[in-house]
Amino acid sequence: MAKILYEVKQNKADKSKAFGKWFGYVKSLETLNTRRLAKHISEHGSVYTQDVVFGVLEKFRACLIEMLLDSKKVKIDGLGTFYCTIENQKGGADQKDKFSVNTHLKALHIRFMPEQEQEMNISSREFLKQAEFINVESLLKGDDTGASGGTSNSGSSQSANSGNSGNSGSGNSGNTGGGGNDDDGVTYD
């Protein structure tokens, strides 16, 4: 089973309802760029060389952006759907005919919604069940007791707060893999 490293941090935002509470956060070991991901894929018994895989990934990236900017959603079977949402400026327009893209829109976001078909479900809750969690502190201490399965309560419940973030001003909900948030909407990274 794959292992997710996590660390526990205290919320130090003094205006937050969760001030002083402790939350789990994923501790990434590294970030793979496209070239290294292509190498990894090609090493999994693939008949395609690293350069071929890299070319396909680069074309995928370019075409994904093209389709998103053409108001299309892109669904990758077994993975999920990429789509765009709009973030509006606070306050909005007073009247419909006074709305202006240049004035009232703050940002255009790329969002990702994990696959939720029953046999390939990688939604936040199902993904949590598939992971084994290891507290980074236990690795530093050389302690093996920091590991916990996705269905165990000893460590997985702490890191459950680290996987959800909502969209601003779009009316859609999506999982972008950002930090968790508390009742007052503060996001922790």
N, C-alpha and C. Protein backbone atom coordinates (compact mmCIF):
# COMPACT_ATOMS: atom_id res chain seq x y z
N MET A 1 0.85 -1.18 0.00
CA MET A 1 0.00 0.00 0.00
C MET A 1 0.89 1.24 0.00
N ALA A 2 0.48 2.24 -0.75
CA ALA A 2 1.21 3.50 -0.77
C ALA A 2 1.12 4.17 0.59
N LYS A 3 2.13 4.95 0.92
CA LYS A 3 2.17 5.59 2.22
C LYS A 3 2.14 7.11 2.05
N ILE A 4 1.27 7.75 2.80
CA ILE A 4 1.16 9.20 2.80
C ILE A 4 1.84 9.71 4.06
N LEU A 5 2.86 10.56 3.88
CA LEU A 5 3.51 11.18 5.02
C LEU A 5 2.70 12.41 5.43
N TYR A 6 2.56 12.60 6.73
CA TYR A 6 1.85 13.78 7.20
C TYR A 6 2.55 14.35 8.42
N GLU A 7 2.27 15.62 8.67
CA GLU A 7 2.75 16.27 9.89
C GLU A 7 1.57 17.00 10.51
N VAL A 8 1.65 17.20 11.81
CA VAL A 8 0.58 17.85 12.55
C VAL A 8 1.04 19.25 12.92
N LYS A 9 0.23 20.26 12.55
CA LYS A 9 0.57 21.65 12.82
C LYS A 9 -0.58 22.33 13.55
N GLN A 10 -0.21 23.33 14.33
CA GLN A 10 -1.21 24.08 15.10
C GLN A 10 -1.68 25.29 14.29
N ASN A 11 -2.99 25.56 14.34
CA ASN A 11 -3.56 26.74 13.70
C ASN A 11 -3.18 27.96 14.54
N LYS A 12 -2.45 28.87 13.94
CA LYS A 12 -1.99 30.06 14.67
C LYS A 12 -2.68 31.33 14.20
N ALA A 13 -3.78 31.20 13.43
CA ALA A 13 -4.56 32.36 12.99
C ALA A 13 -5.47 32.76 14.15
N ASP A 14 -5.11 33.83 14.85
CA ASP A 14 -5.81 34.19 16.09
C ASP A 14 -7.27 34.59 15.90
N LYS A 15 -7.71 34.90 14.66
CA LYS A 15 -9.10 35.26 14.43
C LYS A 15 -9.93 34.05 14.00
N SER A 16 -9.32 32.91 13.91
CA SER A 16 -10.00 31.70 13.48
C SER A 16 -10.73 31.05 14.65
N LYS A 17 -11.86 30.42 14.35
CA LYS A 17 -12.59 29.66 15.36
C LYS A 17 -11.79 28.43 15.79
N ALA A 18 -10.88 28.01 14.95
CA ALA A 18 -10.07 26.82 15.24
C ALA A 18 -8.68 27.20 15.76
N PHE A 19 -8.51 28.41 16.25
CA PHE A 19 -7.22 28.86 16.77
C PHE A 19 -6.74 27.90 17.86
N GLY A 20 -5.48 27.51 17.76
CA GLY A 20 -4.89 26.63 18.77
C GLY A 20 -5.14 25.15 18.53
N LYS A 21 -6.05 24.81 17.61
CA LYS A 21 -6.33 23.41 17.30
C LYS A 21 -5.24 22.85 16.39
N TRP A 22 -5.15 21.55 16.36
CA TRP A 22 -4.10 20.88 15.58
C TRP A 22 -4.71 20.16 14.40
N PHE A 23 -4.03 20.24 13.23
CA PHE A 23 -4.53 19.65 12.00
C PHE A 23 -3.41 18.90 11.29
N GLY A 24 -3.78 17.87 10.55
CA GLY A 24 -2.81 17.11 9.77
C GLY A 24 -2.64 17.70 8.39
N TYR A 25 -1.41 17.65 7.87
CA TYR A 25 -1.08 18.14 6.54
C TYR A 25 -0.16 17.15 5.84
N VAL A 26 -0.41 16.94 4.56
CA VAL A 26 0.45 16.06 3.79
C VAL A 26 1.84 16.66 3.70
N LYS A 27 2.83 15.83 3.88
CA LYS A 27 4.24 16.23 3.75
C LYS A 27 4.77 15.56 2.49
N SER A 28 4.89 16.33 1.42
CA SER A 28 5.38 15.79 0.15
C SER A 28 6.88 15.64 0.17
N LEU A 29 7.36 14.56 -0.40
CA LEU A 29 8.80 14.32 -0.48
C LEU A 29 9.43 15.07 -1.64
N GLU A 30 8.70 15.17 -2.74
CA GLU A 30 9.24 15.85 -3.92
C GLU A 30 8.10 16.15 -4.87
N THR A 31 8.39 16.97 -5.87
CA THR A 31 7.46 17.26 -6.95
C THR A 31 8.07 16.74 -8.24
N LEU A 32 7.35 15.87 -8.91
CA LEU A 32 7.82 15.34 -10.19
C LEU A 32 7.40 16.30 -11.30
N ASN A 33 8.37 16.73 -12.11
CA ASN A 33 8.00 17.52 -13.28
C ASN A 33 7.60 16.56 -14.39
N THR A 34 7.19 17.10 -15.52
CA THR A 34 6.70 16.26 -16.62
C THR A 34 7.75 15.28 -17.10
N ARG A 35 8.98 15.72 -17.21
CA ARG A 35 10.06 14.85 -17.69
C ARG A 35 10.27 13.66 -16.74
N ARG A 36 10.26 13.91 -15.43
CA ARG A 36 10.47 12.83 -14.46
C ARG A 36 9.25 11.90 -14.37
N LEU A 37 8.06 12.46 -14.55
CA LEU A 37 6.86 11.62 -14.59
C LEU A 37 6.90 10.72 -15.82
N ALA A 38 7.32 11.27 -16.95
CA ALA A 38 7.44 10.48 -18.18
C ALA A 38 8.44 9.34 -17.98
N LYS A 39 9.55 9.62 -17.32
CA LYS A 39 10.55 8.59 -17.04
C LYS A 39 9.95 7.49 -16.17
N HIS A 40 9.22 7.90 -15.13
CA HIS A 40 8.58 6.95 -14.22
C HIS A 40 7.60 6.06 -14.99
N ILE A 41 6.76 6.67 -15.82
CA ILE A 41 5.78 5.90 -16.60
C ILE A 41 6.49 4.92 -17.53
N SER A 42 7.54 5.38 -18.19
CA SER A 42 8.25 4.52 -19.15
C SER A 42 8.94 3.34 -18.45
N GLU A 43 9.25 3.47 -17.17
CA GLU A 43 9.90 2.39 -16.41
C GLU A 43 8.92 1.35 -15.89
N HIS A 44 7.62 1.55 -16.11
CA HIS A 44 6.61 0.61 -15.64
C HIS A 44 6.26 -0.40 -16.73
N GLY A 45 7.25 -0.98 -17.35
CA GLY A 45 7.03 -2.00 -18.36
C GLY A 45 6.39 -1.47 -19.63
N SER A 46 6.51 -0.18 -19.86
CA SER A 46 5.92 0.43 -21.04
C SER A 46 6.77 0.16 -22.28
N VAL A 47 6.11 0.00 -23.43
CA VAL A 47 6.85 -0.15 -24.69
C VAL A 47 7.28 1.21 -25.22
N TYR A 48 6.79 2.27 -24.58
CA TYR A 48 7.11 3.63 -25.03
C TYR A 48 8.31 4.17 -24.26
N THR A 49 9.18 4.86 -24.98
CA THR A 49 10.36 5.46 -24.35
C THR A 49 9.95 6.70 -23.56
N GLN A 50 10.87 7.16 -22.74
CA GLN A 50 10.62 8.35 -21.94
C GLN A 50 10.26 9.55 -22.82
N ASP A 51 10.94 9.71 -23.95
CA ASP A 51 10.67 10.85 -24.83
C ASP A 51 9.28 10.80 -25.45
N VAL A 52 8.81 9.59 -25.80
CA VAL A 52 7.47 9.45 -26.36
C VAL A 52 6.43 9.80 -25.29
N VAL A 53 6.60 9.27 -24.10
CA VAL A 53 5.67 9.55 -23.00
C VAL A 53 5.67 11.05 -22.69
N PHE A 54 6.86 11.65 -22.65
CA PHE A 54 6.97 13.09 -22.39
C PHE A 54 6.20 13.88 -23.45
N GLY A 55 6.34 13.51 -24.71
CA GLY A 55 5.63 14.19 -25.80
C GLY A 55 4.13 14.11 -25.64
N VAL A 56 3.63 12.93 -25.25
CA VAL A 56 2.19 12.75 -25.04
C VAL A 56 1.71 13.61 -23.87
N LEU A 57 2.48 13.62 -22.78
CA LEU A 57 2.09 14.44 -21.61
C LEU A 57 2.09 15.92 -21.94
N GLU A 58 3.07 16.37 -22.69
CA GLU A 58 3.12 17.78 -23.09
C GLU A 58 1.94 18.14 -23.99
N LYS A 59 1.60 17.26 -24.91
CA LYS A 59 0.45 17.49 -25.79
C LYS A 59 -0.83 17.49 -24.97
N PHE A 60 -0.93 16.58 -24.00
CA PHE A 60 -2.09 16.54 -23.12
C PHE A 60 -2.25 17.88 -22.40
N ARG A 61 -1.16 18.39 -21.83
CA ARG A 61 -1.21 19.66 -21.11
C ARG A 61 -1.71 20.78 -22.01
N ALA A 62 -1.14 20.89 -23.19
CA ALA A 62 -1.52 21.96 -24.11
C ALA A 62 -2.99 21.83 -24.53
N CYS A 63 -3.41 20.62 -24.84
CA CYS A 63 -4.79 20.40 -25.28
C CYS A 63 -5.78 20.59 -24.13
N LEU A 64 -5.40 20.20 -22.92
CA LEU A 64 -6.26 20.41 -21.76
C LEU A 64 -6.55 21.89 -21.58
N ILE A 65 -5.52 22.70 -21.61
CA ILE A 65 -5.70 24.15 -21.45
C ILE A 65 -6.54 24.71 -22.59
N GLU A 66 -6.29 24.26 -23.81
CA GLU A 66 -7.06 24.71 -24.97
C GLU A 66 -8.55 24.40 -24.79
N MET A 67 -8.87 23.18 -24.36
CA MET A 67 -10.26 22.77 -24.18
C MET A 67 -10.92 23.54 -23.03
N LEU A 68 -10.20 23.74 -21.94
CA LEU A 68 -10.75 24.49 -20.82
C LEU A 68 -11.06 25.93 -21.21
N LEU A 69 -10.16 26.53 -21.99
CA LEU A 69 -10.38 27.91 -22.44
C LEU A 69 -11.44 28.00 -23.53
N ASP A 70 -11.94 26.84 -23.98
CA ASP A 70 -13.02 26.79 -24.96
C ASP A 70 -14.32 26.37 -24.25
N SER A 71 -14.39 26.60 -22.93
CA SER A 71 -15.56 26.31 -22.10
C SER A 71 -15.96 24.84 -22.11
N LYS A 72 -14.98 23.95 -22.18
CA LYS A 72 -15.26 22.52 -22.14
C LYS A 72 -14.69 21.93 -20.86
N LYS A 73 -15.35 20.91 -20.36
CA LYS A 73 -14.81 20.10 -19.27
C LYS A 73 -14.03 18.97 -19.92
N VAL A 74 -12.99 18.49 -19.24
CA VAL A 74 -12.20 17.37 -19.76
C VAL A 74 -12.22 16.27 -18.71
N LYS A 75 -12.83 15.14 -19.07
CA LYS A 75 -12.91 14.00 -18.15
C LYS A 75 -11.87 12.96 -18.56
N ILE A 76 -11.02 12.60 -17.62
CA ILE A 76 -10.05 11.53 -17.81
C ILE A 76 -10.60 10.33 -17.06
N ASP A 77 -11.06 9.33 -17.81
CA ASP A 77 -11.69 8.16 -17.18
C ASP A 77 -10.76 7.53 -16.15
N GLY A 78 -11.32 7.25 -14.99
CA GLY A 78 -10.56 6.63 -13.91
C GLY A 78 -9.78 7.63 -13.07
N LEU A 79 -9.73 8.89 -13.48
CA LEU A 79 -9.00 9.91 -12.73
C LEU A 79 -9.94 11.00 -12.26
N GLY A 80 -10.61 11.67 -13.19
CA GLY A 80 -11.55 12.72 -12.82
C GLY A 80 -11.72 13.73 -13.93
N THR A 81 -12.36 14.86 -13.59
CA THR A 81 -12.71 15.88 -14.56
C THR A 81 -12.07 17.21 -14.21
N PHE A 82 -11.48 17.83 -15.21
CA PHE A 82 -10.94 19.18 -15.10
C PHE A 82 -12.00 20.14 -15.64
N TYR A 83 -12.16 21.28 -14.98
CA TYR A 83 -13.12 22.28 -15.44
C TYR A 83 -12.71 23.65 -14.90
N CYS A 84 -13.33 24.70 -15.41
CA CYS A 84 -13.03 26.06 -14.97
C CYS A 84 -14.14 26.60 -14.08
N THR A 85 -13.74 27.46 -13.14
CA THR A 85 -14.70 28.22 -12.34
C THR A 85 -14.24 29.67 -12.33
N ILE A 86 -15.19 30.55 -12.07
CA ILE A 86 -14.90 31.98 -12.02
C ILE A 86 -14.90 32.43 -10.57
N GLU A 87 -13.93 33.26 -10.22
CA GLU A 87 -13.90 33.91 -8.91
C GLU A 87 -14.29 35.36 -9.13
N ASN A 88 -15.35 35.79 -8.46
CA ASN A 88 -15.86 37.15 -8.61
C ASN A 88 -15.25 38.08 -7.57
N GLN A 89 -15.18 39.35 -7.90
CA GLN A 89 -14.78 40.36 -6.92
C GLN A 89 -15.86 40.44 -5.86
N LYS A 90 -15.48 40.79 -4.65
CA LYS A 90 -16.47 40.93 -3.58
C LYS A 90 -17.45 42.04 -3.92
N GLY A 91 -18.68 41.85 -3.54
CA GLY A 91 -19.69 42.88 -3.74
C GLY A 91 -20.52 42.69 -5.00
N GLY A 92 -19.92 42.26 -6.08
CA GLY A 92 -20.66 42.04 -7.32
C GLY A 92 -21.18 43.33 -7.93
N ALA A 93 -21.94 43.18 -9.00
CA ALA A 93 -22.54 44.33 -9.70
C ALA A 93 -23.90 44.63 -9.09
N ASP A 94 -24.26 45.90 -9.04
CA ASP A 94 -25.55 46.30 -8.48
C ASP A 94 -26.70 45.86 -9.37
N GLN A 95 -26.46 45.85 -10.69
CA GLN A 95 -27.50 45.46 -11.65
C GLN A 95 -26.87 44.55 -12.70
N LYS A 96 -27.70 43.69 -13.30
CA LYS A 96 -27.22 42.75 -14.30
C LYS A 96 -26.52 43.46 -15.45
N ASP A 97 -27.12 44.55 -15.96
CA ASP A 97 -26.55 45.25 -17.11
C ASP A 97 -25.30 46.07 -16.76
N LYS A 98 -24.98 46.15 -15.47
CA LYS A 98 -23.77 46.86 -15.02
C LYS A 98 -22.59 45.91 -14.80
N PHE A 99 -22.84 44.61 -14.94
CA PHE A 99 -21.78 43.64 -14.76
C PHE A 99 -20.75 43.75 -15.88
N SER A 100 -19.48 43.78 -15.49
CA SER A 100 -18.39 43.87 -16.45
C SER A 100 -17.33 42.84 -16.10
N VAL A 101 -16.90 42.08 -17.10
CA VAL A 101 -15.84 41.08 -16.89
C VAL A 101 -14.59 41.77 -16.36
N ASN A 102 -14.23 42.90 -16.93
CA ASN A 102 -13.00 43.60 -16.53
C ASN A 102 -13.06 44.12 -15.10
N THR A 103 -14.24 44.46 -14.63
CA THR A 103 -14.39 45.03 -13.29
C THR A 103 -14.74 44.00 -12.22
N HIS A 104 -15.62 43.06 -12.56
CA HIS A 104 -16.21 42.21 -11.54
C HIS A 104 -15.61 40.81 -11.42
N LEU A 105 -14.79 40.41 -12.38
CA LEU A 105 -14.16 39.10 -12.27
C LEU A 105 -12.76 39.23 -11.69
N LYS A 106 -12.46 38.39 -10.73
CA LYS A 106 -11.15 38.42 -10.07
C LYS A 106 -10.19 37.40 -10.68
N ALA A 107 -10.69 36.18 -10.97
CA ALA A 107 -9.80 35.14 -11.48
C ALA A 107 -10.61 34.05 -12.18
N LEU A 108 -9.90 33.29 -13.01
CA LEU A 108 -10.44 32.09 -13.64
C LEU A 108 -9.59 30.93 -13.13
N HIS A 109 -10.24 29.96 -12.50
CA HIS A 109 -9.52 28.85 -11.87
C HIS A 109 -9.71 27.56 -12.65
N ILE A 110 -8.67 26.73 -12.66
CA ILE A 110 -8.79 25.36 -13.14
C ILE A 110 -9.05 24.50 -11.93
N ARG A 111 -10.12 23.72 -11.99
CA ARG A 111 -10.50 22.84 -10.88
C ARG A 111 -10.44 21.39 -11.33
N PHE A 112 -10.41 20.52 -10.35
CA PHE A 112 -10.38 19.09 -10.62
C PHE A 112 -11.35 18.39 -9.69
N MET A 113 -12.22 17.57 -10.26
CA MET A 113 -13.16 16.76 -9.48
C MET A 113 -12.77 15.30 -9.68
N PRO A 114 -12.33 14.62 -8.62
CA PRO A 114 -11.91 13.21 -8.76
C PRO A 114 -13.04 12.32 -9.25
N GLU A 115 -12.64 11.24 -9.91
CA GLU A 115 -13.59 10.24 -10.40
C GLU A 115 -14.44 9.73 -9.26
N GLN A 116 -15.74 9.60 -9.48
CA GLN A 116 -16.62 9.11 -8.43
C GLN A 116 -17.46 7.93 -8.86
N GLU A 117 -17.17 7.38 -10.03
CA GLU A 117 -17.85 6.14 -10.45
C GLU A 117 -17.47 5.06 -9.44
N GLN A 118 -18.39 4.21 -9.10
CA GLN A 118 -18.20 3.26 -8.01
C GLN A 118 -16.91 2.46 -8.11
N GLU A 119 -16.61 1.88 -9.29
CA GLU A 119 -15.44 1.01 -9.40
C GLU A 119 -14.12 1.77 -9.45
N MET A 120 -14.14 3.06 -9.73
CA MET A 120 -12.90 3.84 -9.82
C MET A 120 -12.90 5.05 -8.89
N ASN A 121 -13.70 5.02 -7.86
CA ASN A 121 -13.90 6.18 -7.00
C ASN A 121 -12.61 6.60 -6.29
N ILE A 122 -12.13 7.80 -6.62
CA ILE A 122 -10.98 8.38 -5.91
C ILE A 122 -11.38 9.72 -5.29
N SER A 123 -12.66 9.84 -4.92
CA SER A 123 -13.10 11.04 -4.23
C SER A 123 -12.36 11.13 -2.90
N SER A 124 -12.42 12.25 -2.27
CA SER A 124 -11.66 12.50 -1.04
C SER A 124 -11.83 11.41 0.01
N ARG A 125 -13.06 11.02 0.27
CA ARG A 125 -13.30 10.03 1.33
C ARG A 125 -12.83 8.64 0.93
N GLU A 126 -13.03 8.26 -0.34
CA GLU A 126 -12.58 6.95 -0.79
C GLU A 126 -11.07 6.90 -0.88
N PHE A 127 -10.45 7.99 -1.33
CA PHE A 127 -8.99 8.07 -1.42
C PHE A 127 -8.39 7.93 -0.03
N LEU A 128 -9.03 8.53 0.95
CA LEU A 128 -8.57 8.45 2.34
C LEU A 128 -8.54 7.00 2.82
N LYS A 129 -9.55 6.22 2.43
CA LYS A 129 -9.62 4.81 2.84
C LYS A 129 -8.49 3.98 2.23
N GLN A 130 -7.99 4.39 1.07
CA GLN A 130 -6.97 3.62 0.36
C GLN A 130 -5.55 3.90 0.85
N ALA A 131 -5.36 4.95 1.61
CA ALA A 131 -4.02 5.38 2.00
C ALA A 131 -3.61 4.84 3.36
N GLU A 132 -2.32 4.69 3.53
CA GLU A 132 -1.73 4.40 4.83
C GLU A 132 -0.95 5.65 5.21
N PHE A 133 -1.10 6.10 6.43
CA PHE A 133 -0.50 7.35 6.87
C PHE A 133 0.65 7.11 7.82
N ILE A 134 1.71 7.91 7.65
CA ILE A 134 2.88 7.84 8.52
C ILE A 134 3.21 9.25 8.99
N ASN A 135 3.24 9.44 10.29
CA ASN A 135 3.58 10.74 10.87
C ASN A 135 5.07 10.98 10.67
N VAL A 136 5.43 12.12 10.08
CA VAL A 136 6.83 12.45 9.79
C VAL A 136 7.66 12.44 11.07
N GLU A 137 7.08 12.88 12.18
CA GLU A 137 7.81 12.89 13.45
C GLU A 137 8.27 11.48 13.84
N SER A 138 7.43 10.48 13.56
CA SER A 138 7.81 9.11 13.92
C SER A 138 8.99 8.64 13.08
N LEU A 139 9.10 9.10 11.84
CA LEU A 139 10.25 8.75 11.01
C LEU A 139 11.52 9.39 11.54
N LEU A 140 11.40 10.63 11.97
CA LEU A 140 12.57 11.34 12.49
C LEU A 140 13.07 10.71 13.79
N LYS A 141 12.14 10.15 14.57
CA LYS A 141 12.50 9.51 15.83
C LYS A 141 12.88 8.04 15.64
N GLY A 142 12.66 7.52 14.41
CA GLY A 142 12.93 6.11 14.16
C GLY A 142 11.88 5.20 14.75
N ASP A 143 10.67 5.73 14.94
CA ASP A 143 9.58 5.00 15.57
C ASP A 143 8.65 4.45 14.49
N ASP A 144 8.34 3.17 14.52
CA ASP A 144 7.46 2.56 13.54
C ASP A 144 5.98 2.70 13.90
N THR A 145 5.65 3.25 15.07
CA THR A 145 4.27 3.31 15.50
C THR A 145 3.51 4.47 14.89
N GLY A 146 4.14 5.29 14.06
CA GLY A 146 3.46 6.43 13.44
C GLY A 146 2.61 6.05 12.25
N ALA A 147 2.68 4.79 11.80
CA ALA A 147 1.92 4.38 10.63
C ALA A 147 0.50 4.01 11.04
N SER A 148 -0.44 4.36 10.17
CA SER A 148 -1.81 3.94 10.40
C SER A 148 -2.48 3.75 9.06
N GLY A 149 -3.35 2.76 8.97
CA GLY A 149 -4.09 2.51 7.75
C GLY A 149 -5.16 3.55 7.55
N GLY A 150 -5.68 3.61 6.33
CA GLY A 150 -6.70 4.59 5.99
C GLY A 150 -7.98 4.43 6.78
N THR A 151 -8.25 3.23 7.27
CA THR A 151 -9.48 3.03 8.02
C THR A 151 -9.25 3.11 9.53
N SER A 152 -8.01 3.30 9.94
CA SER A 152 -7.69 3.40 11.37
C SER A 152 -7.89 4.83 11.84
N ASN A 153 -8.12 5.01 13.12
CA ASN A 153 -8.31 6.35 13.67
C ASN A 153 -7.05 6.97 14.22
N SER A 154 -5.97 6.20 14.36
CA SER A 154 -4.81 6.71 15.08
C SER A 154 -4.11 7.86 14.36
N GLY A 155 -4.11 7.90 13.07
CA GLY A 155 -3.43 8.99 12.39
C GLY A 155 -4.20 9.51 11.19
N SER A 156 -5.05 8.69 10.62
CA SER A 156 -5.72 9.09 9.39
C SER A 156 -6.74 10.18 9.63
N SER A 157 -7.39 10.20 10.78
CA SER A 157 -8.39 11.22 11.01
C SER A 157 -7.77 12.60 11.12
N GLN A 158 -6.53 12.67 11.57
CA GLN A 158 -5.87 13.97 11.65
C GLN A 158 -5.60 14.54 10.28
N SER A 159 -5.28 13.70 9.32
CA SER A 159 -4.93 14.21 8.01
C SER A 159 -6.14 14.37 7.11
N ALA A 160 -7.31 13.99 7.56
CA ALA A 160 -8.49 14.11 6.73
C ALA A 160 -8.81 15.57 6.43
N ASN A 161 -8.38 16.50 7.26
CA ASN A 161 -8.66 17.90 7.03
C ASN A 161 -7.80 18.53 5.96
N SER A 162 -6.84 17.82 5.43
CA SER A 162 -5.89 18.45 4.52
C SER A 162 -6.25 18.31 3.07
N GLY A 163 -7.38 17.75 2.71
CA GLY A 163 -7.63 17.48 1.32
C GLY A 163 -8.73 18.27 0.65
N ASN A 164 -9.43 19.16 1.30
CA ASN A 164 -10.56 19.81 0.67
C ASN A 164 -10.39 21.31 0.66
N SER A 165 -10.77 21.90 -0.46
CA SER A 165 -10.89 23.35 -0.50
C SER A 165 -11.97 23.68 -1.48
N GLY A 166 -12.73 24.69 -1.21
CA GLY A 166 -13.84 25.04 -2.07
C GLY A 166 -13.44 26.07 -3.10
N ASN A 167 -14.40 26.43 -3.93
CA ASN A 167 -14.18 27.43 -4.96
C ASN A 167 -14.74 28.75 -4.48
N SER A 168 -14.14 29.84 -4.89
CA SER A 168 -14.62 31.15 -4.52
C SER A 168 -15.53 31.70 -5.61
N GLY A 169 -16.72 32.05 -5.25
CA GLY A 169 -17.61 32.76 -6.14
C GLY A 169 -18.15 31.96 -7.31
N SER A 170 -18.00 30.66 -7.33
CA SER A 170 -18.42 29.92 -8.52
C SER A 170 -19.73 29.17 -8.32
N GLY A 171 -20.07 28.87 -7.09
CA GLY A 171 -21.26 28.08 -6.85
C GLY A 171 -21.01 26.58 -7.02
N ASN A 172 -19.83 26.20 -7.48
CA ASN A 172 -19.48 24.80 -7.65
C ASN A 172 -18.63 24.35 -6.49
N SER A 173 -18.69 23.07 -6.20
CA SER A 173 -17.77 22.56 -5.19
C SER A 173 -16.82 21.62 -5.88
N GLY A 174 -15.57 21.69 -5.51
CA GLY A 174 -14.59 20.82 -6.12
C GLY A 174 -13.46 20.57 -5.17
N ASN A 175 -12.72 19.52 -5.42
CA ASN A 175 -11.58 19.21 -4.60
C ASN A 175 -10.34 19.52 -5.40
N THR A 176 -9.58 20.48 -4.94
CA THR A 176 -8.38 20.86 -5.66
C THR A 176 -7.13 20.42 -4.94
N GLY A 177 -7.31 19.73 -3.87
CA GLY A 177 -6.16 19.22 -3.15
C GLY A 177 -5.51 20.23 -2.25
N GLY A 178 -6.17 21.33 -1.97
CA GLY A 178 -5.61 22.38 -1.12
C GLY A 178 -5.73 22.05 0.34
N GLY A 179 -5.47 23.03 1.18
CA GLY A 179 -5.52 22.82 2.62
C GLY A 179 -6.95 22.69 3.11
N GLY A 180 -7.08 22.21 4.32
CA GLY A 180 -8.39 22.09 4.93
C GLY A 180 -8.87 23.46 5.40
N ASN A 181 -10.13 23.56 5.74
CA ASN A 181 -10.60 24.83 6.28
C ASN A 181 -11.52 24.57 7.45
N ASP A 182 -11.67 25.59 8.27
CA ASP A 182 -12.52 25.44 9.44
C ASP A 182 -13.84 26.15 9.19
N ASP A 183 -14.63 26.31 10.23
CA ASP A 183 -15.97 26.87 10.09
C ASP A 183 -15.98 28.29 9.56
N ASP A 184 -14.95 29.08 9.80
CA ASP A 184 -14.99 30.46 9.35
C ASP A 184 -14.33 30.63 7.98
N GLY A 185 -14.06 29.54 7.27
CA GLY A 185 -13.58 29.61 5.90
C GLY A 185 -12.09 29.86 5.74
N VAL A 186 -11.35 29.88 6.82
CA VAL A 186 -9.90 30.08 6.73
C VAL A 186 -9.29 28.81 6.20
N THR A 187 -8.43 28.93 5.18
CA THR A 187 -7.78 27.76 4.61
C THR A 187 -6.36 27.67 5.13
N TYR A 188 -5.96 26.46 5.49
CA TYR A 188 -4.63 26.22 6.01
C TYR A 188 -3.87 25.40 5.01
N ASP A 189 -2.64 25.79 4.69
CA ASP A 189 -1.83 25.05 3.71
C ASP A 189 -0.74 24.26 4.36
